[in-house]
PDB file of N, CA and C in Angstrom:
ATOM      1  N   MET A   1      51.051 -11.761 -43.865  1.00  0.00           N
ATOM      2  CA  MET A   1      50.638 -12.845 -42.988  1.00  0.00           C
ATOM      3  C   MET A   1      50.729 -12.351 -41.532  1.00  0.00           C
ATOM      4  N   THR A   2      49.654 -12.538 -40.808  1.00  0.00           N
ATOM      5  CA  THR A   2      49.649 -12.116 -39.409  1.00  0.00           C
ATOM      6  C   THR A   2      50.370 -13.146 -38.545  1.00  0.00           C
ATOM      7  N   PHE A   3      50.622 -12.757 -37.319  1.00  0.00           N
ATOM      8  CA  PHE A   3      51.313 -13.647 -36.394  1.00  0.00           C
ATOM      9  C   PHE A   3      50.503 -14.923 -36.157  1.00  0.00           C
ATOM     10  N   LEU A   4      49.194 -14.771 -35.956  1.00  0.00           N
ATOM     11  CA  LEU A   4      48.363 -15.955 -35.706  1.00  0.00           C
ATOM     12  C   LEU A   4      48.331 -16.888 -36.912  1.00  0.00           C
ATOM     13  N   GLN A   5      48.366 -16.328 -38.100  1.00  0.00           N
ATOM     14  CA  GLN A   5      48.405 -17.168 -39.297  1.00  0.00           C
ATOM     15  C   GLN A   5      49.717 -17.937 -39.385  1.00  0.00           C
ATOM     16  N   SER A   6      50.811 -17.300 -38.994  1.00  0.00           N
ATOM     17  CA  SER A   6      52.096 -18.000 -39.027  1.00  0.00           C
ATOM     18  C   SER A   6      52.145 -19.100 -37.971  1.00  0.00           C
ATOM     19  N   VAL A   7      51.533 -18.848 -36.806  1.00  0.00           N
ATOM     20  CA  VAL A   7      51.449 -19.890 -35.780  1.00  0.00           C
ATOM     21  C   VAL A   7      50.630 -21.058 -36.303  1.00  0.00           C
ATOM     22  N   ARG A   8      49.497 -20.769 -36.934  1.00  0.00           N
ATOM     23  CA  ARG A   8      48.641 -21.820 -37.495  1.00  0.00           C
ATOM     24  C   ARG A   8      49.399 -22.638 -38.547  1.00  0.00           C
ATOM     25  N   THR A   9      50.168 -21.966 -39.391  1.00  0.00           N
ATOM     26  CA  THR A   9      50.941 -22.654 -40.422  1.00  0.00           C
ATOM     27  C   THR A   9      51.959 -23.603 -39.802  1.00  0.00           C
ATOM     28  N   GLU A  10      52.634 -23.148 -38.759  1.00  0.00           N
ATOM     29  CA  GLU A  10      53.618 -23.996 -38.081  1.00  0.00           C
ATOM     30  C   GLU A  10      52.954 -25.206 -37.424  1.00  0.00           C
ATOM     31  N   ILE A  11      51.809 -24.973 -36.796  1.00  0.00           N
ATOM     32  CA  ILE A  11      51.095 -26.074 -36.140  1.00  0.00           C
ATOM     33  C   ILE A  11      50.681 -27.120 -37.173  1.00  0.00           C
ATOM     34  N   ARG A  12      50.195 -26.652 -38.310  1.00  0.00           N
ATOM     35  CA  ARG A  12      49.765 -27.587 -39.360  1.00  0.00           C
ATOM     36  C   ARG A  12      50.950 -28.311 -39.979  1.00  0.00           C
ATOM     37  N   ALA A  13      52.094 -27.634 -40.052  1.00  0.00           N
ATOM     38  CA  ALA A  13      53.291 -28.277 -40.607  1.00  0.00           C
ATOM     39  C   ALA A  13      53.748 -29.423 -39.700  1.00  0.00           C
ATOM     40  N   LYS A  14      53.502 -29.269 -38.407  1.00  0.00           N
ATOM     41  CA  LYS A  14      53.875 -30.321 -37.455  1.00  0.00           C
ATOM     42  C   LYS A  14      52.791 -31.396 -37.337  1.00  0.00           C
ATOM     43  N   GLN A  15      51.712 -31.216 -38.084  1.00  0.00           N
ATOM     44  CA  GLN A  15      50.611 -32.178 -38.164  1.00  0.00           C
ATOM     45  C   GLN A  15      49.958 -32.453 -36.815  1.00  0.00           C
ATOM     46  N   TYR A  16      49.772 -31.390 -36.036  1.00  0.00           N
ATOM     47  CA  TYR A  16      49.038 -31.516 -34.779  1.00  0.00           C
ATOM     48  C   TYR A  16      47.557 -31.658 -35.089  1.00  0.00           C
ATOM     49  N   SER A  17      46.791 -32.143 -34.127  1.00  0.00           N
ATOM     50  CA  SER A  17      45.361 -32.323 -34.338  1.00  0.00           C
ATOM     51  C   SER A  17      44.658 -30.962 -34.394  1.00  0.00           C
ATOM     52  N   TYR A  18      43.457 -30.974 -34.961  1.00  0.00           N
ATOM     53  CA  TYR A  18      42.669 -29.748 -35.089  1.00  0.00           C
ATOM     54  C   TYR A  18      42.365 -29.150 -33.714  1.00  0.00           C
ATOM     55  N   ARG A  19      42.036 -30.009 -32.768  1.00  0.00           N
ATOM     56  CA  ARG A  19      41.720 -29.535 -31.418  1.00  0.00           C
ATOM     57  C   ARG A  19      42.937 -28.881 -30.756  1.00  0.00           C
ATOM     58  N   THR A  20      44.114 -29.440 -30.971  1.00  0.00           N
ATOM     59  CA  THR A  20      45.344 -28.855 -30.441  1.00  0.00           C
ATOM     60  C   THR A  20      45.592 -27.497 -31.089  1.00  0.00           C
ATOM     61  N   GLU A  21      45.366 -27.407 -32.388  1.00  0.00           N
ATOM     62  CA  GLU A  21      45.522 -26.139 -33.104  1.00  0.00           C
ATOM     63  C   GLU A  21      44.604 -25.076 -32.506  1.00  0.00           C
ATOM     64  N   LYS A  22      43.352 -25.434 -32.284  1.00  0.00           N
ATOM     65  CA  LYS A  22      42.401 -24.479 -31.708  1.00  0.00           C
ATOM     66  C   LYS A  22      42.849 -24.022 -30.318  1.00  0.00           C
ATOM     67  N   THR A  23      43.319 -24.976 -29.519  1.00  0.00           N
ATOM     68  CA  THR A  23      43.750 -24.654 -28.159  1.00  0.00           C
ATOM     69  C   THR A  23      44.967 -23.741 -28.179  1.00  0.00           C
ATOM     70  N   TYR A  24      45.958 -24.070 -28.984  1.00  0.00           N
ATOM     71  CA  TYR A  24      47.172 -23.251 -29.053  1.00  0.00           C
ATOM     72  C   TYR A  24      46.849 -21.830 -29.513  1.00  0.00           C
ATOM     73  N   LEU A  25      46.023 -21.705 -30.540  1.00  0.00           N
ATOM     74  CA  LEU A  25      45.676 -20.380 -31.047  1.00  0.00           C
ATOM     75  C   LEU A  25      44.894 -19.574 -30.014  1.00  0.00           C
ATOM     76  N   SER A  26      44.033 -20.252 -29.278  1.00  0.00           N
ATOM     77  CA  SER A  26      43.286 -19.587 -28.223  1.00  0.00           C
ATOM     78  C   SER A  26      44.229 -19.065 -27.140  1.00  0.00           C
ATOM     79  N   ARG A  27      45.193 -19.888 -26.742  1.00  0.00           N
ATOM     80  CA  ARG A  27      46.159 -19.483 -25.712  1.00  0.00           C
ATOM     81  C   ARG A  27      47.018 -18.316 -26.187  1.00  0.00           C
ATOM     82  N   VAL A  28      47.417 -18.352 -27.448  1.00  0.00           N
ATOM     83  CA  VAL A  28      48.228 -17.260 -27.999  1.00  0.00           C
ATOM     84  C   VAL A  28      47.421 -15.964 -27.996  1.00  0.00           C
ATOM     85  N   ARG A  29      46.156 -16.032 -28.423  1.00  0.00           N
ATOM     86  CA  ARG A  29      45.290 -14.844 -28.413  1.00  0.00           C
ATOM     87  C   ARG A  29      45.145 -14.293 -27.006  1.00  0.00           C
ATOM     88  N   GLN A  30      44.911 -15.172 -26.036  1.00  0.00           N
ATOM     89  CA  GLN A  30      44.756 -14.735 -24.646  1.00  0.00           C
ATOM     90  C   GLN A  30      46.028 -14.063 -24.148  1.00  0.00           C
ATOM     91  N   PHE A  31      47.176 -14.610 -24.484  1.00  0.00           N
ATOM     92  CA  PHE A  31      48.458 -14.051 -24.073  1.00  0.00           C
ATOM     93  C   PHE A  31      48.652 -12.655 -24.667  1.00  0.00           C
ATOM     94  N   ILE A  32      48.335 -12.515 -25.966  1.00  0.00           N
ATOM     95  CA  ILE A  32      48.481 -11.218 -26.629  1.00  0.00           C
ATOM     96  C   ILE A  32      47.547 -10.192 -26.002  1.00  0.00           C
ATOM     97  N   LEU A  33      46.295 -10.560 -25.796  1.00  0.00           N
ATOM     98  CA  LEU A  33      45.338  -9.634 -25.196  1.00  0.00           C
ATOM     99  C   LEU A  33      45.739  -9.256 -23.776  1.00  0.00           C
ATOM    100  N   PHE A  34      46.208 -10.192 -23.004  1.00  0.00           N
ATOM    101  CA  PHE A  34      46.631  -9.922 -21.631  1.00  0.00           C
ATOM    102  C   PHE A  34      47.779  -8.917 -21.618  1.00  0.00           C
ATOM    103  N   ASN A  35      48.743  -9.112 -22.475  1.00  0.00           N
ATOM    104  CA  ASN A  35      49.906  -8.219 -22.501  1.00  0.00           C
ATOM    105  C   ASN A  35      49.565  -6.843 -23.043  1.00  0.00           C
ATOM    106  N   ASP A  36      48.641  -6.766 -24.000  1.00  0.00           N
ATOM    107  CA  ASP A  36      48.218  -5.462 -24.510  1.00  0.00           C
ATOM    108  C   ASP A  36      47.499  -4.685 -23.419  1.00  0.00           C
ATOM    109  N   ARG A  37      46.633  -5.332 -22.678  1.00  0.00           N
ATOM    110  CA  ARG A  37      45.922  -4.654 -21.587  1.00  0.00           C
ATOM    111  C   ARG A  37      46.882  -4.235 -20.490  1.00  0.00           C
ATOM    112  N   LYS A  38      47.830  -5.092 -20.203  1.00  0.00           N
ATOM    113  CA  LYS A  38      48.795  -4.812 -19.149  1.00  0.00           C
ATOM    114  C   LYS A  38      49.638  -3.582 -19.487  1.00  0.00           C
ATOM    115  N   SER A  39      50.122  -3.489 -20.727  1.00  0.00           N
ATOM    116  CA  SER A  39      50.955  -2.367 -21.113  1.00  0.00           C
ATOM    117  C   SER A  39      50.131  -1.084 -21.264  1.00  0.00           C
ATOM    118  N   ALA A  40      48.878  -1.211 -21.668  1.00  0.00           N
ATOM    119  CA  ALA A  40      48.035  -0.023 -21.853  1.00  0.00           C
ATOM    120  C   ALA A  40      47.684   0.625 -20.509  1.00  0.00           C
ATOM    121  N   SER A  41      47.503  -0.201 -19.471  1.00  0.00           N
ATOM    122  CA  SER A  41      47.116   0.350 -18.184  1.00  0.00           C
ATOM    123  C   SER A  41      48.314   0.833 -17.378  1.00  0.00           C
ATOM    124  N   GLY A  42      49.490   0.320 -17.683  1.00  0.00           N
ATOM    125  CA  GLY A  42      50.668   0.636 -16.894  1.00  0.00           C
ATOM    126  C   GLY A  42      51.445   1.723 -17.486  1.00  0.00           C
TER     127      GLY A  42
END
């Protein structure tokens, strides 16, 4: 199970709305990509 899948599972367990799930997953992806780029360039 990937990290994003585990986040999705937790969000669904808390019964958040679909739109909230999409937003949270999008923010998590952006955070991961930002940090990967930051560490790769530095």
